[in-house]
N, C-alpha and C. Protein backbone atom coordinates (compact mmCIF):
# COMPACT_ATOMS: atom_id res chain seq x y z
N UNK A 1 27.48 -33.06 -16.14
CA UNK A 1 27.54 -33.78 -14.79
C UNK A 1 26.66 -33.17 -14.38
N UNK A 2 26.20 -31.23 -14.56
CA UNK A 2 25.43 -30.25 -14.35
C UNK A 2 26.29 -29.64 -12.92
N UNK A 3 25.00 -28.67 -12.93
CA UNK A 3 25.33 -27.96 -11.87
C UNK A 3 24.88 -28.77 -10.06
N UNK A 4 26.38 -28.61 -8.93
CA UNK A 4 26.63 -28.62 -7.78
C UNK A 4 26.17 -27.86 -6.84
N UNK A 5 24.66 -27.82 -6.04
CA UNK A 5 24.65 -27.66 -5.40
C UNK A 5 25.26 -27.75 -4.35
N UNK A 6 25.53 -26.37 -3.13
CA UNK A 6 26.59 -26.52 -2.09
C UNK A 6 25.58 -26.25 -0.71
N UNK A 7 23.97 -26.32 -1.30
CA UNK A 7 23.35 -26.10 0.50
C UNK A 7 22.26 -27.23 0.93
N UNK A 8 23.23 -28.27 -0.28
CA UNK A 8 22.58 -30.23 0.75
C UNK A 8 20.75 -30.32 0.38
N UNK A 9 20.31 -29.79 -0.86
CA UNK A 9 19.19 -29.43 -0.97
C UNK A 9 17.91 -28.41 -0.61
N UNK A 10 18.42 -27.35 -0.02
CA UNK A 10 17.84 -26.58 0.49
C UNK A 10 17.16 -25.71 -0.72
N UNK A 11 17.33 -25.67 -1.46
CA UNK A 11 16.90 -25.11 -2.00
C UNK A 11 15.35 -24.57 -3.32
N UNK A 12 15.04 -25.62 -3.17
CA UNK A 12 13.51 -24.84 -3.04
C UNK A 12 13.53 -24.96 -1.62
N UNK A 13 12.82 -24.34 -0.83
CA UNK A 13 13.28 -23.25 0.15
C UNK A 13 13.22 -21.40 -0.46
N UNK A 14 13.47 -21.27 -1.61
CA UNK A 14 14.31 -19.60 -2.34
C UNK A 14 12.15 -19.82 -2.31
N UNK A 15 11.68 -20.57 -3.17
CA UNK A 15 10.22 -20.43 -3.25
C UNK A 15 9.58 -19.78 -2.71
N UNK A 16 9.49 -20.64 -1.18
CA UNK A 16 8.66 -19.83 0.03
C UNK A 16 8.78 -18.63 -0.20
N UNK A 17 10.07 -18.78 -0.43
CA UNK A 17 11.00 -16.88 0.74
C UNK A 17 10.57 -16.48 -0.52
N UNK A 18 10.36 -16.94 -2.23
CA UNK A 18 10.42 -16.17 -3.26
C UNK A 18 8.45 -14.75 -3.00
N UNK A 19 8.38 -16.07 -2.32
CA UNK A 19 6.67 -16.05 -1.90
C UNK A 19 5.93 -14.80 -1.09
N UNK A 20 7.44 -14.86 0.36
CA UNK A 20 6.37 -14.57 0.84
C UNK A 20 7.14 -12.71 0.90
N UNK A 21 7.75 -12.51 0.42
CA UNK A 21 8.42 -11.11 -0.39
C UNK A 21 7.44 -10.51 -1.69
N UNK A 22 7.31 -11.53 -2.48
CA UNK A 22 5.93 -10.51 -2.68
C UNK A 22 4.81 -10.47 -2.23
N UNK A 23 4.18 -11.21 -1.82
CA UNK A 23 3.42 -10.67 -0.59
C UNK A 23 3.01 -9.75 0.09
N UNK A 24 4.55 -9.39 0.82
CA UNK A 24 4.82 -8.48 1.01
C UNK A 24 5.06 -7.08 0.39
N UNK A 25 6.03 -7.10 -0.50
CA UNK A 25 5.26 -6.13 -1.94
C UNK A 25 4.15 -5.49 -1.94
N UNK A 26 2.79 -6.36 -2.40
CA UNK A 26 1.64 -6.72 -2.55
C UNK A 26 1.03 -5.81 -1.18
N UNK A 27 1.67 -5.87 0.28
CA UNK A 27 1.04 -5.28 0.65
C UNK A 27 1.10 -3.61 0.96
N UNK A 28 2.90 -3.73 1.02
CA UNK A 28 3.45 -2.37 1.02
C UNK A 28 2.69 -1.72 -0.11
N UNK A 29 2.23 -2.44 -1.46
CA UNK A 29 1.95 -1.32 -2.16
C UNK A 29 0.48 -0.77 -1.65
N UNK A 30 -0.19 -1.82 -1.86
CA UNK A 30 -1.97 -0.87 -1.55
C UNK A 30 -2.03 -0.36 -0.05
N UNK A 31 -0.96 -0.74 0.91
CA UNK A 31 -0.84 0.60 1.80
C UNK A 31 -0.32 1.78 1.38
N UNK A 32 0.43 2.02 0.47
CA UNK A 32 1.06 3.21 -0.07
C UNK A 32 0.64 3.46 -1.12
N UNK A 33 -0.71 3.10 -1.64
CA UNK A 33 -1.96 3.66 -2.96
C UNK A 33 -3.12 3.50 -1.96
N UNK A 34 -2.79 3.93 -0.36
CA UNK A 34 -3.87 3.81 -0.39
C UNK A 34 -5.57 2.87 0.02
N UNK A 35 -5.25 2.38 -0.60
CA UNK A 35 -6.66 1.06 -1.54
C UNK A 35 -7.19 0.24 0.38
N UNK A 36 -6.78 0.33 0.91
CA UNK A 36 -6.67 -0.01 2.26
C UNK A 36 -7.98 0.85 2.99
N UNK A 37 -7.07 2.01 3.22
CA UNK A 37 -8.45 4.01 2.96
C UNK A 37 -9.43 3.74 2.52
N UNK A 38 -9.07 3.82 2.08
CA UNK A 38 -10.98 3.63 0.83
C UNK A 38 -11.78 2.34 1.40
N UNK A 39 -10.15 0.63 1.43
CA UNK A 39 -11.77 -0.15 1.18
C UNK A 39 -12.51 -0.13 2.76
N UNK A 40 -11.71 0.48 3.48
CA UNK A 40 -12.23 0.41 5.31
C UNK A 40 -13.48 1.88 5.53
N UNK A 41 -13.22 2.73 4.17
CA UNK A 41 -14.61 4.21 4.09
C UNK A 41 -15.54 3.28 3.60
N UNK A 42 -15.49 2.08 2.53
CA UNK A 42 -16.87 1.27 2.06
C UNK A 42 -17.72 1.05 2.52
N UNK A 43 -16.74 -0.08 3.55
CA UNK A 43 -17.16 -0.61 4.07
C UNK A 43 -17.85 -0.41 5.66
N UNK A 44 -17.62 1.30 5.68
CA UNK A 44 -18.14 1.46 5.98
C UNK A 44 -17.27 1.80 7.96
N UNK A 45 -15.97 1.68 7.69
CA UNK A 45 -15.48 1.20 9.47
C UNK A 45 -14.42 2.54 9.22
N UNK A 46 -15.33 3.81 8.47
CA UNK A 46 -14.21 5.39 9.24
C UNK A 46 -12.45 5.35 8.14
N UNK A 47 -12.22 6.74 8.56
CA UNK A 47 -11.53 7.13 7.91
C UNK A 47 -10.38 6.87 8.67
N UNK A 48 -10.67 6.84 10.28
CA UNK A 48 -9.30 7.12 11.06
C UNK A 48 -8.30 4.93 11.44
N UNK A 49 -9.52 4.68 11.56
CA UNK A 49 -9.26 4.06 11.34
C UNK A 49 -8.57 3.03 10.36
N UNK A 50 -9.46 3.70 9.05
CA UNK A 50 -8.60 3.11 7.61
C UNK A 50 -7.00 3.61 7.71
N UNK A 51 -7.30 4.47 8.19
CA UNK A 51 -5.57 4.86 7.94
C UNK A 51 -4.79 4.41 9.19
N UNK A 52 -5.22 4.17 10.47
CA UNK A 52 -4.67 3.20 11.56
C UNK A 52 -4.22 1.25 10.46
N UNK A 53 -5.19 1.07 9.68
CA UNK A 53 -4.83 -0.18 9.17
C UNK A 53 -4.04 0.06 8.14
N UNK A 54 -4.37 1.32 7.41
CA UNK A 54 -3.30 1.74 5.92
C UNK A 54 -2.07 1.74 7.16
N UNK A 55 -1.23 2.35 7.50
CA UNK A 55 -0.25 2.59 8.66
C UNK A 55 0.43 0.86 9.06
N UNK A 56 -0.57 0.15 9.99
CA UNK A 56 -0.30 -1.06 9.69
C UNK A 56 0.23 -1.87 9.35
N UNK A 57 -0.78 -2.23 8.06
CA UNK A 57 -0.15 -2.28 7.33
C UNK A 57 0.53 -2.80 5.54
N UNK A 58 0.78 -1.36 5.95
CA UNK A 58 1.77 -0.76 5.51
C UNK A 58 3.64 -1.37 5.87
N UNK A 59 3.64 -1.32 7.36
CA UNK A 59 4.44 -1.39 7.87
C UNK A 59 5.09 -2.90 8.09
N UNK A 60 3.55 -3.73 8.22
CA UNK A 60 4.25 -5.18 8.20
C UNK A 60 4.39 -5.98 6.83
N UNK A 61 4.20 -5.82 5.43
CA UNK A 61 4.04 -5.24 4.28
C UNK A 61 5.62 -4.87 4.19
N UNK A 62 6.56 -3.40 4.18
CA UNK A 62 7.77 -3.75 4.62
C UNK A 62 8.29 -4.41 5.22
N UNK A 63 7.92 -4.79 6.53
CA UNK A 63 9.18 -5.95 6.83
C UNK A 63 8.82 -7.48 6.41
N UNK A 64 7.64 -8.34 5.99
CA UNK A 64 8.51 -8.99 5.36
C UNK A 64 8.67 -8.87 3.60
N UNK A 65 8.52 -7.72 3.54
CA UNK A 65 9.39 -6.77 1.73
C UNK A 65 11.13 -7.31 2.97
N UNK A 66 11.67 -6.47 3.42
CA UNK A 66 12.61 -6.71 4.26
C UNK A 66 13.56 -8.35 4.71
N UNK A 67 12.38 -9.17 5.41
CA UNK A 67 13.22 -10.36 5.97
C UNK A 67 13.01 -11.39 4.60
N UNK A 68 11.95 -11.09 4.53
CA UNK A 68 12.20 -12.49 2.53
C UNK A 68 13.33 -11.99 1.83
N UNK A 69 13.13 -10.55 1.82
CA UNK A 69 14.22 -10.50 0.56
C UNK A 69 16.02 -10.95 0.91
N UNK A 70 16.42 -10.59 2.47
CA UNK A 70 17.10 -10.94 2.62
C UNK A 70 17.29 -12.63 2.97
N UNK A 71 16.41 -13.49 3.43
CA UNK A 71 15.73 -14.71 3.62
C UNK A 71 16.16 -14.93 1.71
N UNK A 72 15.66 -14.44 0.68
CA UNK A 72 15.68 -15.25 -0.35
C UNK A 72 17.41 -15.60 -0.52
N UNK A 73 18.13 -13.69 -0.72
CA UNK A 73 19.76 -13.85 -0.55
C UNK A 73 20.49 -14.46 -0.13
N UNK A 74 20.31 -14.79 1.17
CA UNK A 74 21.43 -15.51 2.00
C UNK A 74 21.50 -17.05 2.08
N UNK A 75 19.43 -17.30 1.74
CA UNK A 75 20.29 -18.86 0.50
C UNK A 75 20.19 -18.90 -0.90
N UNK A 76 20.16 -18.41 -2.28
CA UNK A 76 20.76 -17.53 -3.28
C UNK A 76 22.17 -17.74 -3.09
N UNK A 77 22.64 -17.25 -1.51
CA UNK A 77 24.11 -16.55 -2.11
C UNK A 77 24.97 -18.74 -1.43
N UNK A 78 24.17 -19.06 -0.31
CA UNK A 78 24.79 -20.23 0.52
C UNK A 78 24.71 -21.68 -1.19
N UNK A 79 23.87 -21.07 -1.50
CA UNK A 79 23.46 -22.24 -3.27
C UNK A 79 24.53 -22.13 -4.08
N UNK A 80 24.38 -20.21 -4.35
CA UNK A 80 25.51 -20.11 -4.98
C UNK A 80 27.22 -20.45 -4.84
N UNK A 81 28.05 -20.28 -3.78
CA UNK A 81 28.79 -19.96 -3.16
C UNK A 81 29.51 -21.00 -3.96
């Protein structure tokens, strides 16, 4: 008969959460590697504004990483229980 999903068809939402998780990881990596600061310096915004944007984007990426990672875990837990 196959695998029976206990989440009433909501397992397809895991893909959206996974994309949010990956986006958070990419933003976090860009901030940690300093790409955002370099980009701001290249377009003439200056190093101080680049550093502020770097911190904000890193924080947003980290929060997205945590939120969507938890979302994936909870949805997968409900599906596989």
